[in-house]
């Protein structure tokens, strides 16, 4: 049982689109990620995904709408909903999601991170 300094944890890495595990609660991971640029269209068939914006602005594109998230805002993307995250500038995000969640969802490609580092 230790307190976590979120800013300090974000300072430990520089890679984009490569989530790091910062904590665990029940069967969930608390993941930190830095995002910049455009990711890929993907979905998570079995897990909801929560994006909490700590720094910057994130655009979440959906097939039927766009949602802009600012610092201090979060959105839960329900399982099965296809989405495309876009960060024009660097964005710091906290994800709360089941341990089984893979960053690219059902899509496996060169951006898939299957062995997450713990920070």
PDB file of N, CA and C in Angstrom:
ATOM      1  N   UNK A   1       0.846  -1.163   0.000  1.00  0.00           N
ATOM      2  CA  UNK A   1       0.000   0.000   0.000  1.00  0.00           C
ATOM      3  C   UNK A   1       0.897   1.233   0.000  1.00  0.00           C
ATOM      4  N   UNK A   2       0.955   1.916  -1.145  1.00  0.00           N
ATOM      5  CA  UNK A   2       1.780   3.114  -1.280  1.00  0.00           C
ATOM      6  C   UNK A   2       1.022   4.180  -2.045  1.00  0.00           C
ATOM      7  N   UNK A   3       1.309   5.428  -1.734  1.00  0.00           N
ATOM      8  CA  UNK A   3       0.711   6.496  -2.515  1.00  0.00           C
ATOM      9  C   UNK A   3       1.460   6.602  -3.840  1.00  0.00           C
ATOM     10  N   UNK A   4       0.779   7.143  -4.849  1.00  0.00           N
ATOM     11  CA  UNK A   4       1.351   7.279  -6.181  1.00  0.00           C
ATOM     12  C   UNK A   4       1.311   8.745  -6.585  1.00  0.00           C
ATOM     13  N   UNK A   5       2.458   9.259  -7.013  1.00  0.00           N
ATOM     14  CA  UNK A   5       2.527  10.607  -7.559  1.00  0.00           C
ATOM     15  C   UNK A   5       2.411  10.482  -9.073  1.00  0.00           C
ATOM     16  N   UNK A   6       1.285  10.901  -9.615  1.00  0.00           N
ATOM     17  CA  UNK A   6       0.998  10.704 -11.034  1.00  0.00           C
ATOM     18  C   UNK A   6       1.997  11.440 -11.922  1.00  0.00           C
ATOM     19  N   UNK A   7       2.329  12.682 -11.585  1.00  0.00           N
ATOM     20  CA  UNK A   7       3.299  13.445 -12.387  1.00  0.00           C
ATOM     21  C   UNK A   7       4.654  12.748 -12.421  1.00  0.00           C
ATOM     22  N   UNK A   8       5.073  12.250 -11.277  1.00  0.00           N
ATOM     23  CA  UNK A   8       6.355  11.530 -11.196  1.00  0.00           C
ATOM     24  C   UNK A   8       6.331  10.282 -12.075  1.00  0.00           C
ATOM     25  N   UNK A   9       5.249   9.552 -12.058  1.00  0.00           N
ATOM     26  CA  UNK A   9       5.130   8.351 -12.882  1.00  0.00           C
ATOM     27  C   UNK A   9       5.195   8.692 -14.373  1.00  0.00           C
ATOM     28  N   UNK A  10       4.503   9.769 -14.773  1.00  0.00           N
ATOM     29  CA  UNK A  10       4.550  10.169 -16.183  1.00  0.00           C
ATOM     30  C   UNK A  10       5.963  10.587 -16.601  1.00  0.00           C
ATOM     31  N   UNK A  11       6.772  11.083 -15.663  1.00  0.00           N
ATOM     32  CA  UNK A  11       8.130  11.512 -16.000  1.00  0.00           C
ATOM     33  C   UNK A  11       9.081  10.333 -16.248  1.00  0.00           C
ATOM     34  N   UNK A  12       8.652   9.114 -15.937  1.00  0.00           N
ATOM     35  CA  UNK A  12       9.515   7.936 -16.053  1.00  0.00           C
ATOM     36  C   UNK A  12       9.583   7.342 -17.462  1.00  0.00           C
ATOM     37  N   UNK A  13       8.747   7.841 -18.389  1.00  0.00           N
ATOM     38  CA  UNK A  13       8.769   7.282 -19.745  1.00  0.00           C
ATOM     39  C   UNK A  13       8.427   8.363 -20.770  1.00  0.00           C
ATOM     40  N   UNK A  14       8.831   8.107 -22.017  1.00  0.00           N
ATOM     41  CA  UNK A  14       8.601   9.061 -23.103  1.00  0.00           C
ATOM     42  C   UNK A  14       7.902   8.457 -24.313  1.00  0.00           C
ATOM     43  N   UNK A  15       7.745   7.140 -24.355  1.00  0.00           N
ATOM     44  CA  UNK A  15       7.138   6.496 -25.515  1.00  0.00           C
ATOM     45  C   UNK A  15       5.662   6.877 -25.624  1.00  0.00           C
ATOM     46  N   UNK A  16       5.222   7.024 -26.876  1.00  0.00           N
ATOM     47  CA  UNK A  16       3.806   7.279 -27.141  1.00  0.00           C
ATOM     48  C   UNK A  16       3.091   5.967 -27.456  1.00  0.00           C
ATOM     49  N   UNK A  17       1.831   5.896 -27.058  1.00  0.00           N
ATOM     50  CA  UNK A  17       0.943   4.776 -27.351  1.00  0.00           C
ATOM     51  C   UNK A  17       1.460   3.462 -26.747  1.00  0.00           C
ATOM     52  N   UNK A  18       2.169   3.560 -25.637  1.00  0.00           N
ATOM     53  CA  UNK A  18       2.703   2.369 -24.964  1.00  0.00           C
ATOM     54  C   UNK A  18       2.336   2.437 -23.481  1.00  0.00           C
ATOM     55  N   UNK A  19       1.122   1.975 -23.129  1.00  0.00           N
ATOM     56  CA  UNK A  19       0.650   2.080 -21.743  1.00  0.00           C
ATOM     57  C   UNK A  19       1.569   1.389 -20.746  1.00  0.00           C
ATOM     58  N   UNK A  20       1.646   1.980 -19.554  1.00  0.00           N
ATOM     59  CA  UNK A  20       2.421   1.429 -18.444  1.00  0.00           C
ATOM     60  C   UNK A  20       1.463   1.174 -17.284  1.00  0.00           C
ATOM     61  N   UNK A  21       1.695   0.098 -16.564  1.00  0.00           N
ATOM     62  CA  UNK A  21       0.854  -0.217 -15.408  1.00  0.00           C
ATOM     63  C   UNK A  21       1.365   0.562 -14.202  1.00  0.00           C
ATOM     64  N   UNK A  22       0.489   1.373 -13.625  1.00  0.00           N
ATOM     65  CA  UNK A  22       0.854   2.164 -12.448  1.00  0.00           C
ATOM     66  C   UNK A  22       0.221   1.613 -11.178  1.00  0.00           C
ATOM     67  N   UNK A  23      -0.743   0.711 -11.331  1.00  0.00           N
ATOM     68  CA  UNK A  23      -1.393   0.130 -10.174  1.00  0.00           C
ATOM     69  C   UNK A  23      -2.404  -0.930 -10.575  1.00  0.00           C
ATOM     70  N   UNK A  24      -2.875  -1.644  -9.583  1.00  0.00           N
ATOM     71  CA  UNK A  24      -3.889  -2.681  -9.797  1.00  0.00           C
ATOM     72  C   UNK A  24      -4.956  -2.541  -8.732  1.00  0.00           C
ATOM     73  N   UNK A  25      -6.186  -2.742  -9.141  1.00  0.00           N
ATOM     74  CA  UNK A  25      -7.296  -2.737  -8.195  1.00  0.00           C
ATOM     75  C   UNK A  25      -8.283  -3.825  -8.642  1.00  0.00           C
ATOM     76  N   UNK A  26      -8.498  -4.792  -7.786  1.00  0.00           N
ATOM     77  CA  UNK A  26      -9.309  -5.964  -8.125  1.00  0.00           C
ATOM     78  C   UNK A  26      -8.766  -6.579  -9.411  1.00  0.00           C
ATOM     79  N   UNK A  27      -9.580  -6.746 -10.414  1.00  0.00           N
ATOM     80  CA  UNK A  27      -9.112  -7.326 -11.677  1.00  0.00           C
ATOM     81  C   UNK A  27      -8.859  -6.246 -12.727  1.00  0.00           C
ATOM     82  N   UNK A  28      -8.506  -5.054 -12.262  1.00  0.00           N
ATOM     83  CA  UNK A  28      -8.304  -3.915 -13.155  1.00  0.00           C
ATOM     84  C   UNK A  28      -6.864  -3.414 -13.076  1.00  0.00           C
ATOM     85  N   UNK A  29      -6.411  -2.843 -14.185  1.00  0.00           N
ATOM     86  CA  UNK A  29      -5.148  -2.119 -14.203  1.00  0.00           C
ATOM     87  C   UNK A  29      -5.428  -0.631 -14.245  1.00  0.00           C
ATOM     88  N   UNK A  30      -4.596   0.126 -13.565  1.00  0.00           N
ATOM     89  CA  UNK A  30      -4.546   1.579 -13.719  1.00  0.00           C
ATOM     90  C   UNK A  30      -3.325   1.801 -14.601  1.00  0.00           C
ATOM     91  N   UNK A  31      -3.571   2.277 -15.836  1.00  0.00           N
ATOM     92  CA  UNK A  31      -2.502   2.428 -16.808  1.00  0.00           C
ATOM     93  C   UNK A  31      -2.286   3.903 -17.128  1.00  0.00           C
ATOM     94  N   UNK A  32      -1.025   4.263 -17.323  1.00  0.00           N
ATOM     95  CA  UNK A  32      -0.671   5.607 -17.757  1.00  0.00           C
ATOM     96  C   UNK A  32      -0.128   5.506 -19.168  1.00  0.00           C
ATOM     97  N   UNK A  33      -0.470   6.481 -20.007  1.00  0.00           N
ATOM     98  CA  UNK A  33       0.057   6.497 -21.371  1.00  0.00           C
ATOM     99  C   UNK A  33       0.204   7.928 -21.838  1.00  0.00           C
ATOM    100  N   UNK A  34       1.228   8.130 -22.651  1.00  0.00           N
ATOM    101  CA  UNK A  34       1.401   9.384 -23.366  1.00  0.00           C
ATOM    102  C   UNK A  34       0.976   9.122 -24.802  1.00  0.00           C
ATOM    103  N   UNK A  35       0.160  10.015 -25.314  1.00  0.00           N
ATOM    104  CA  UNK A  35      -0.361   9.858 -26.668  1.00  0.00           C
ATOM    105  C   UNK A  35       0.044  11.062 -27.501  1.00  0.00           C
ATOM    106  N   UNK A  36       0.377  10.832 -28.747  1.00  0.00           N
ATOM    107  CA  UNK A  36       0.640  11.920 -29.690  1.00  0.00           C
ATOM    108  C   UNK A  36       0.460  11.369 -31.086  1.00  0.00           C
ATOM    109  N   UNK A  37      -0.284  12.106 -31.904  1.00  0.00           N
ATOM    110  CA  UNK A  37      -0.575  11.668 -33.257  1.00  0.00           C
ATOM    111  C   UNK A  37      -1.878  10.883 -33.297  1.00  0.00           C
ATOM    112  N   UNK A  38      -2.028  10.131 -34.361  1.00  0.00           N
ATOM    113  CA  UNK A  38      -3.242   9.348 -34.576  1.00  0.00           C
ATOM    114  C   UNK A  38      -2.963   7.884 -34.293  1.00  0.00           C
ATOM    115  N   UNK A  39      -3.878   7.227 -33.590  1.00  0.00           N
ATOM    116  CA  UNK A  39      -3.731   5.802 -33.298  1.00  0.00           C
ATOM    117  C   UNK A  39      -4.363   5.016 -34.443  1.00  0.00           C
ATOM    118  N   UNK A  40      -5.124   3.985 -34.152  1.00  0.00           N
ATOM    119  CA  UNK A  40      -5.809   3.190 -35.170  1.00  0.00           C
ATOM    120  C   UNK A  40      -7.270   3.020 -34.757  1.00  0.00           C
ATOM    121  N   UNK A  41      -8.138   2.794 -35.735  1.00  0.00           N
ATOM    122  CA  UNK A  41      -9.508   2.410 -35.422  1.00  0.00           C
ATOM    123  C   UNK A  41      -9.451   1.037 -34.763  1.00  0.00           C
ATOM    124  N   UNK A  42     -10.113   0.898 -33.637  1.00  0.00           N
ATOM    125  CA  UNK A  42     -10.149  -0.387 -32.951  1.00  0.00           C
ATOM    126  C   UNK A  42     -11.333  -0.432 -32.001  1.00  0.00           C
ATOM    127  N   UNK A  43     -11.583  -1.626 -31.466  1.00  0.00           N
ATOM    128  CA  UNK A  43     -12.633  -1.814 -30.461  1.00  0.00           C
ATOM    129  C   UNK A  43     -12.200  -2.913 -29.520  1.00  0.00           C
ATOM    130  N   UNK A  44     -12.838  -2.944 -28.388  1.00  0.00           N
ATOM    131  CA  UNK A  44     -12.586  -3.966 -27.375  1.00  0.00           C
ATOM    132  C   UNK A  44     -13.906  -4.727 -27.209  1.00  0.00           C
ATOM    133  N   UNK A  45     -13.934  -5.947 -27.717  1.00  0.00           N
ATOM    134  CA  UNK A  45     -15.186  -6.707 -27.716  1.00  0.00           C
ATOM    135  C   UNK A  45     -15.679  -7.075 -26.329  1.00  0.00           C
ATOM    136  N   UNK A  46     -14.764  -7.172 -25.345  1.00  0.00           N
ATOM    137  CA  UNK A  46     -15.164  -7.689 -24.035  1.00  0.00           C
ATOM    138  C   UNK A  46     -14.925  -6.732 -22.875  1.00  0.00           C
ATOM    139  N   UNK A  47     -14.342  -5.556 -23.151  1.00  0.00           N
ATOM    140  CA  UNK A  47     -14.016  -4.638 -22.058  1.00  0.00           C
ATOM    141  C   UNK A  47     -14.449  -3.212 -22.385  1.00  0.00           C
ATOM    142  N   UNK A  48     -14.976  -2.534 -21.367  1.00  0.00           N
ATOM    143  CA  UNK A  48     -15.161  -1.089 -21.457  1.00  0.00           C
ATOM    144  C   UNK A  48     -13.783  -0.459 -21.256  1.00  0.00           C
ATOM    145  N   UNK A  49     -13.613   0.774 -21.736  1.00  0.00           N
ATOM    146  CA  UNK A  49     -12.325   1.458 -21.603  1.00  0.00           C
ATOM    147  C   UNK A  49     -12.570   2.888 -21.141  1.00  0.00           C
ATOM    148  N   UNK A  50     -11.913   3.280 -20.057  1.00  0.00           N
ATOM    149  CA  UNK A  50     -12.082   4.636 -19.523  1.00  0.00           C
ATOM    150  C   UNK A  50     -10.834   5.458 -19.796  1.00  0.00           C
ATOM    151  N   UNK A  51     -11.014   6.599 -20.460  1.00  0.00           N
ATOM    152  CA  UNK A  51      -9.956   7.563 -20.733  1.00  0.00           C
ATOM    153  C   UNK A  51     -10.125   8.737 -19.767  1.00  0.00           C
ATOM    154  N   UNK A  52      -9.138   9.007 -18.908  1.00  0.00           N
ATOM    155  CA  UNK A  52      -9.130  10.166 -18.015  1.00  0.00           C
ATOM    156  C   UNK A  52      -7.966  11.055 -18.443  1.00  0.00           C
ATOM    157  N   UNK A  53      -8.266  12.251 -18.885  1.00  0.00           N
ATOM    158  CA  UNK A  53      -7.244  13.149 -19.422  1.00  0.00           C
ATOM    159  C   UNK A  53      -6.610  13.949 -18.286  1.00  0.00           C
ATOM    160  N   UNK A  54      -5.309  13.758 -18.118  1.00  0.00           N
ATOM    161  CA  UNK A  54      -4.567  14.467 -17.083  1.00  0.00           C
ATOM    162  C   UNK A  54      -3.876  15.713 -17.634  1.00  0.00           C
ATOM    163  N   UNK A  55      -3.445  15.657 -18.908  1.00  0.00           N
ATOM    164  CA  UNK A  55      -2.747  16.780 -19.529  1.00  0.00           C
ATOM    165  C   UNK A  55      -3.052  16.767 -21.016  1.00  0.00           C
ATOM    166  N   UNK A  56      -3.389  17.934 -21.552  1.00  0.00           N
ATOM    167  CA  UNK A  56      -3.629  18.041 -22.983  1.00  0.00           C
ATOM    168  C   UNK A  56      -5.087  17.852 -23.364  1.00  0.00           C
ATOM    169  N   UNK A  57      -5.286  17.629 -24.670  1.00  0.00           N
ATOM    170  CA  UNK A  57      -6.631  17.463 -25.230  1.00  0.00           C
ATOM    171  C   UNK A  57      -6.614  16.261 -26.151  1.00  0.00           C
ATOM    172  N   UNK A  58      -7.653  15.441 -26.056  1.00  0.00           N
ATOM    173  CA  UNK A  58      -7.751  14.234 -26.867  1.00  0.00           C
ATOM    174  C   UNK A  58      -9.047  14.267 -27.663  1.00  0.00           C
ATOM    175  N   UNK A  59      -8.933  13.900 -28.931  1.00  0.00           N
ATOM    176  CA  UNK A  59     -10.111  13.718 -29.777  1.00  0.00           C
ATOM    177  C   UNK A  59     -10.377  12.227 -29.872  1.00  0.00           C
ATOM    178  N   UNK A  60     -11.585  11.827 -29.526  1.00  0.00           N
ATOM    179  CA  UNK A  60     -12.021  10.442 -29.724  1.00  0.00           C
ATOM    180  C   UNK A  60     -13.031  10.451 -30.863  1.00  0.00           C
ATOM    181  N   UNK A  61     -12.652   9.825 -31.959  1.00  0.00           N
ATOM    182  CA  UNK A  61     -13.551   9.727 -33.099  1.00  0.00           C
ATOM    183  C   UNK A  61     -14.318   8.420 -33.000  1.00  0.00           C
ATOM    184  N   UNK A  62     -15.601   8.512 -33.268  1.00  0.00           N
ATOM    185  CA  UNK A  62     -16.472   7.358 -33.359  1.00  0.00           C
ATOM    186  C   UNK A  62     -17.068   7.367 -34.754  1.00  0.00           C
ATOM    187  N   UNK A  63     -17.651   6.288 -35.174  1.00  0.00           N
ATOM    188  CA  UNK A  63     -18.203   6.226 -36.534  1.00  0.00           C
ATOM    189  C   UNK A  63     -19.338   7.232 -36.738  1.00  0.00           C
ATOM    190  N   UNK A  64     -19.998   7.631 -35.638  1.00  0.00           N
ATOM    191  CA  UNK A  64     -21.143   8.533 -35.778  1.00  0.00           C
ATOM    192  C   UNK A  64     -20.953   9.909 -35.147  1.00  0.00           C
ATOM    193  N   UNK A  65     -19.803  10.153 -34.476  1.00  0.00           N
ATOM    194  CA  UNK A  65     -19.578  11.453 -33.846  1.00  0.00           C
ATOM    195  C   UNK A  65     -18.134  11.586 -33.399  1.00  0.00           C
ATOM    196  N   UNK A  66     -17.755  12.812 -33.058  1.00  0.00           N
ATOM    197  CA  UNK A  66     -16.446  13.109 -32.479  1.00  0.00           C
ATOM    198  C   UNK A  66     -16.657  13.656 -31.077  1.00  0.00           C
ATOM    199  N   UNK A  67     -15.770  13.284 -30.139  1.00  0.00           N
ATOM    200  CA  UNK A  67     -15.832  13.795 -28.774  1.00  0.00           C
ATOM    201  C   UNK A  67     -14.463  14.369 -28.423  1.00  0.00           C
ATOM    202  N   UNK A  68     -14.452  15.617 -27.970  1.00  0.00           N
ATOM    203  CA  UNK A  68     -13.224  16.280 -27.547  1.00  0.00           C
ATOM    204  C   UNK A  68     -13.148  16.223 -26.026  1.00  0.00           C
ATOM    205  N   UNK A  69     -12.038  15.681 -25.516  1.00  0.00           N
ATOM    206  CA  UNK A  69     -11.828  15.591 -24.072  1.00  0.00           C
ATOM    207  C   UNK A  69     -10.710  16.539 -23.664  1.00  0.00           C
ATOM    208  N   UNK A  70     -10.959  17.335 -22.634  1.00  0.00           N
ATOM    209  CA  UNK A  70      -9.986  18.266 -22.091  1.00  0.00           C
ATOM    210  C   UNK A  70      -9.449  17.740 -20.762  1.00  0.00           C
ATOM    211  N   UNK A  71      -8.417  18.395 -20.252  1.00  0.00           N
ATOM    212  CA  UNK A  71      -7.845  18.025 -18.959  1.00  0.00           C
ATOM    213  C   UNK A  71      -8.938  17.958 -17.898  1.00  0.00           C
ATOM    214  N   UNK A  72      -8.874  16.915 -17.094  1.00  0.00           N
ATOM    215  CA  UNK A  72      -9.843  16.752 -16.019  1.00  0.00           C
ATOM    216  C   UNK A  72     -11.145  16.098 -16.445  1.00  0.00           C
ATOM    217  N   UNK A  73     -11.258  15.738 -17.718  1.00  0.00           N
ATOM    218  CA  UNK A  73     -12.469  15.083 -18.206  1.00  0.00           C
ATOM    219  C   UNK A  73     -12.179  13.609 -18.496  1.00  0.00           C
ATOM    220  N   UNK A  74     -13.230  12.798 -18.430  1.00  0.00           N
ATOM    221  CA  UNK A  74     -13.071  11.395 -18.801  1.00  0.00           C
ATOM    222  C   UNK A  74     -14.255  10.933 -19.605  1.00  0.00           C
ATOM    223  N   UNK A  75     -14.029   9.827 -20.304  1.00  0.00           N
ATOM    224  CA  UNK A  75     -15.097   9.199 -21.074  1.00  0.00           C
ATOM    225  C   UNK A  75     -14.916   7.689 -20.990  1.00  0.00           C
ATOM    226  N   UNK A  76     -16.028   6.999 -20.861  1.00  0.00           N
ATOM    227  CA  UNK A  76     -16.014   5.547 -20.886  1.00  0.00           C
ATOM    228  C   UNK A  76     -16.517   5.103 -22.255  1.00  0.00           C
ATOM    229  N   UNK A  77     -15.677   4.367 -22.965  1.00  0.00           N
ATOM    230  CA  UNK A  77     -16.048   3.810 -24.262  1.00  0.00           C
ATOM    231  C   UNK A  77     -16.554   2.394 -24.002  1.00  0.00           C
ATOM    232  N   UNK A  78     -17.834   2.151 -24.271  1.00  0.00           N
ATOM    233  CA  UNK A  78     -18.382   0.816 -23.995  1.00  0.00           C
ATOM    234  C   UNK A  78     -17.755  -0.258 -24.891  1.00  0.00           C
ATOM    235  N   UNK A  79     -17.719  -1.474 -24.369  1.00  0.00           N
ATOM    236  CA  UNK A  79     -17.185  -2.585 -25.149  1.00  0.00           C
ATOM    237  C   UNK A  79     -17.920  -2.685 -26.480  1.00  0.00           C
ATOM    238  N   UNK A  80     -17.147  -3.052 -27.512  1.00  0.00           N
ATOM    239  CA  UNK A  80     -17.716  -3.230 -28.840  1.00  0.00           C
ATOM    240  C   UNK A  80     -17.846  -1.971 -29.668  1.00  0.00           C
ATOM    241  N   UNK A  81     -17.526  -0.805 -29.095  1.00  0.00           N
ATOM    242  CA  UNK A  81     -17.658   0.462 -29.832  1.00  0.00           C
ATOM    243  C   UNK A  81     -16.318   0.818 -30.471  1.00  0.00           C
ATOM    244  N   UNK A  82     -16.325   0.923 -31.790  1.00  0.00           N
ATOM    245  CA  UNK A  82     -15.111   1.261 -32.530  1.00  0.00           C
ATOM    246  C   UNK A  82     -14.760   2.725 -32.291  1.00  0.00           C
ATOM    247  N   UNK A  83     -13.460   2.990 -32.055  1.00  0.00           N
ATOM    248  CA  UNK A  83     -13.030   4.356 -31.781  1.00  0.00           C
ATOM    249  C   UNK A  83     -11.609   4.585 -32.287  1.00  0.00           C
ATOM    250  N   UNK A  84     -11.292   5.859 -32.492  1.00  0.00           N
ATOM    251  CA  UNK A  84      -9.983   6.279 -32.991  1.00  0.00           C
ATOM    252  C   UNK A  84      -9.508   7.455 -32.153  1.00  0.00           C
ATOM    253  N   UNK A  85      -8.512   7.262 -31.274  1.00  0.00           N
ATOM    254  CA  UNK A  85      -7.960   8.378 -30.501  1.00  0.00           C
ATOM    255  C   UNK A  85      -6.963   9.173 -31.348  1.00  0.00           C
ATOM    256  N   UNK A  86      -7.059  10.506 -31.231  1.00  0.00           N
ATOM    257  CA  UNK A  86      -6.137  11.405 -31.930  1.00  0.00           C
ATOM    258  C   UNK A  86      -5.682  12.483 -30.952  1.00  0.00           C
ATOM    259  N   UNK A  87      -4.359  12.647 -30.869  1.00  0.00           N
ATOM    260  CA  UNK A  87      -3.772  13.665 -29.991  1.00  0.00           C
ATOM    261  C   UNK A  87      -2.879  14.559 -30.849  1.00  0.00           C
ATOM    262  N   UNK A  88      -3.329  15.776 -31.103  1.00  0.00           N
ATOM    263  CA  UNK A  88      -2.522  16.677 -31.937  1.00  0.00           C
ATOM    264  C   UNK A  88      -1.237  17.080 -31.231  1.00  0.00           C
ATOM    265  N   UNK A  89      -1.308  17.263 -29.926  1.00  0.00           N
ATOM    266  CA  UNK A  89      -0.141  17.534 -29.082  1.00  0.00           C
ATOM    267  C   UNK A  89      -0.072  16.424 -28.043  1.00  0.00           C
ATOM    268  N   UNK A  90       1.020  16.361 -27.299  1.00  0.00           N
ATOM    269  CA  UNK A  90       1.160  15.300 -26.299  1.00  0.00           C
ATOM    270  C   UNK A  90       0.027  15.357 -25.272  1.00  0.00           C
ATOM    271  N   UNK A  91      -0.533  14.187 -25.008  1.00  0.00           N
ATOM    272  CA  UNK A  91      -1.621  14.037 -24.040  1.00  0.00           C
ATOM    273  C   UNK A  91      -1.212  12.975 -23.031  1.00  0.00           C
ATOM    274  N   UNK A  92      -1.497  13.230 -21.759  1.00  0.00           N
ATOM    275  CA  UNK A  92      -1.262  12.245 -20.699  1.00  0.00           C
ATOM    276  C   UNK A  92      -2.621  11.699 -20.279  1.00  0.00           C
ATOM    277  N   UNK A  93      -2.750  10.377 -20.346  1.00  0.00           N
ATOM    278  CA  UNK A  93      -4.031   9.719 -20.082  1.00  0.00           C
ATOM    279  C   UNK A  93      -3.860   8.642 -19.023  1.00  0.00           C
ATOM    280  N   UNK A  94      -4.864   8.536 -18.168  1.00  0.00           N
ATOM    281  CA  UNK A  94      -4.965   7.401 -17.254  1.00  0.00           C
ATOM    282  C   UNK A  94      -6.107   6.534 -17.764  1.00  0.00           C
ATOM    283  N   UNK A  95      -5.836   5.246 -17.889  1.00  0.00           N
ATOM    284  CA  UNK A  95      -6.854   4.280 -18.290  1.00  0.00           C
ATOM    285  C   UNK A  95      -7.191   3.410 -17.089  1.00  0.00           C
ATOM    286  N   UNK A  96      -8.471   3.159 -16.885  1.00  0.00           N
ATOM    287  CA  UNK A  96      -8.930   2.190 -15.903  1.00  0.00           C
ATOM    288  C   UNK A  96      -9.614   1.095 -16.706  1.00  0.00           C
ATOM    289  N   UNK A  97      -9.020  -0.088 -16.719  1.00  0.00           N
ATOM    290  CA  UNK A  97      -9.583  -1.134 -17.569  1.00  0.00           C
ATOM    291  C   UNK A  97      -9.206  -2.519 -17.051  1.00  0.00           C
ATOM    292  N   UNK A  98      -9.993  -3.520 -17.424  1.00  0.00           N
ATOM    293  CA  UNK A  98      -9.680  -4.884 -16.994  1.00  0.00           C
ATOM    294  C   UNK A  98      -8.273  -5.287 -17.425  1.00  0.00           C
ATOM    295  N   UNK A  99      -7.667  -6.167 -16.651  1.00  0.00           N
ATOM    296  CA  UNK A  99      -6.306  -6.621 -16.948  1.00  0.00           C
ATOM    297  C   UNK A  99      -6.202  -7.276 -18.317  1.00  0.00           C
ATOM    298  N   UNK A 100      -7.285  -7.790 -18.835  1.00  0.00           N
ATOM    299  CA  UNK A 100      -7.279  -8.468 -20.132  1.00  0.00           C
ATOM    300  C   UNK A 100      -7.250  -7.503 -21.328  1.00  0.00           C
ATOM    301  N   UNK A 101      -7.439  -6.207 -21.080  1.00  0.00           N
ATOM    302  CA  UNK A 101      -7.537  -5.238 -22.178  1.00  0.00           C
ATOM    303  C   UNK A 101      -6.197  -5.040 -22.870  1.00  0.00           C
ATOM    304  N   UNK A 102      -6.217  -5.159 -24.187  1.00  0.00           N
ATOM    305  CA  UNK A 102      -5.042  -4.911 -25.027  1.00  0.00           C
ATOM    306  C   UNK A 102      -5.252  -3.563 -25.703  1.00  0.00           C
ATOM    307  N   UNK A 103      -4.198  -2.761 -25.803  1.00  0.00           N
ATOM    308  CA  UNK A 103      -4.345  -1.384 -26.294  1.00  0.00           C
ATOM    309  C   UNK A 103      -4.949  -1.279 -27.686  1.00  0.00           C
ATOM    310  N   UNK A 104      -4.740  -2.257 -28.550  1.00  0.00           N
ATOM    311  CA  UNK A 104      -5.304  -2.209 -29.898  1.00  0.00           C
ATOM    312  C   UNK A 104      -6.584  -3.026 -30.027  1.00  0.00           C
ATOM    313  N   UNK A 105      -7.122  -3.451 -28.912  1.00  0.00           N
ATOM    314  CA  UNK A 105      -8.377  -4.196 -28.922  1.00  0.00           C
ATOM    315  C   UNK A 105      -8.251  -5.515 -29.656  1.00  0.00           C
ATOM    316  N   UNK A 106      -9.192  -5.767 -30.557  1.00  0.00           N
ATOM    317  CA  UNK A 106      -9.215  -7.021 -31.304  1.00  0.00           C
ATOM    318  C   UNK A 106      -8.229  -6.996 -32.473  1.00  0.00           C
ATOM    319  N   UNK A 107      -7.715  -5.820 -32.791  1.00  0.00           N
ATOM    320  CA  UNK A 107      -6.744  -5.638 -33.884  1.00  0.00           C
ATOM    321  C   UNK A 107      -5.345  -5.902 -33.333  1.00  0.00           C
ATOM    322  N   UNK A 108      -4.590  -6.786 -33.971  1.00  0.00           N
ATOM    323  CA  UNK A 108      -3.212  -7.042 -33.560  1.00  0.00           C
ATOM    324  C   UNK A 108      -2.302  -6.574 -34.688  1.00  0.00           C
ATOM    325  N   UNK A 109      -1.414  -5.631 -34.344  1.00  0.00           N
ATOM    326  CA  UNK A 109      -0.496  -5.093 -35.343  1.00  0.00           C
ATOM    327  C   UNK A 109       0.767  -4.605 -34.648  1.00  0.00           C
ATOM    328  N   UNK A 110       1.569  -3.819 -35.341  1.00  0.00           N
ATOM    329  CA  UNK A 110       2.840  -3.363 -34.779  1.00  0.00           C
ATOM    330  C   UNK A 110       2.673  -2.379 -33.622  1.00  0.00           C
ATOM    331  N   UNK A 111       1.480  -1.875 -33.396  1.00  0.00           N
ATOM    332  CA  UNK A 111       1.238  -0.969 -32.272  1.00  0.00           C
ATOM    333  C   UNK A 111       0.691  -1.702 -31.045  1.00  0.00           C
ATOM    334  N   UNK A 112       0.475  -2.987 -31.162  1.00  0.00           N
ATOM    335  CA  UNK A 112      -0.027  -3.782 -30.043  1.00  0.00           C
ATOM    336  C   UNK A 112       1.070  -3.924 -28.988  1.00  0.00           C
ATOM    337  N   UNK A 113       0.701  -3.614 -27.742  1.00  0.00           N
ATOM    338  CA  UNK A 113       1.631  -3.778 -26.606  1.00  0.00           C
ATOM    339  C   UNK A 113       1.036  -4.887 -25.743  1.00  0.00           C
ATOM    340  N   UNK A 114       1.666  -6.062 -25.803  1.00  0.00           N
ATOM    341  CA  UNK A 114       1.110  -7.203 -25.080  1.00  0.00           C
ATOM    342  C   UNK A 114       1.769  -7.429 -23.723  1.00  0.00           C
ATOM    343  N   UNK A 115       3.011  -6.988 -23.554  1.00  0.00           N
ATOM    344  CA  UNK A 115       3.711  -7.132 -22.265  1.00  0.00           C
ATOM    345  C   UNK A 115       3.947  -5.754 -21.692  1.00  0.00           C
ATOM    346  N   UNK A 116       3.016  -5.283 -20.891  1.00  0.00           N
ATOM    347  CA  UNK A 116       3.111  -3.937 -20.332  1.00  0.00           C
ATOM    348  C   UNK A 116       4.115  -3.863 -19.197  1.00  0.00           C
ATOM    349  N   UNK A 117       4.897  -2.816 -19.208  1.00  0.00           N
ATOM    350  CA  UNK A 117       5.852  -2.566 -18.112  1.00  0.00           C
ATOM    351  C   UNK A 117       5.087  -1.985 -16.937  1.00  0.00           C
ATOM    352  N   UNK A 118       5.574  -2.283 -15.748  1.00  0.00           N
ATOM    353  CA  UNK A 118       5.032  -1.677 -14.529  1.00  0.00           C
ATOM    354  C   UNK A 118       5.982  -0.581 -14.079  1.00  0.00           C
ATOM    355  N   UNK A 119       5.414   0.594 -13.800  1.00  0.00           N
ATOM    356  CA  UNK A 119       6.246   1.715 -13.343  1.00  0.00           C
ATOM    357  C   UNK A 119       5.878   2.093 -11.924  1.00  0.00           C
TER     358      UNK A 119
END
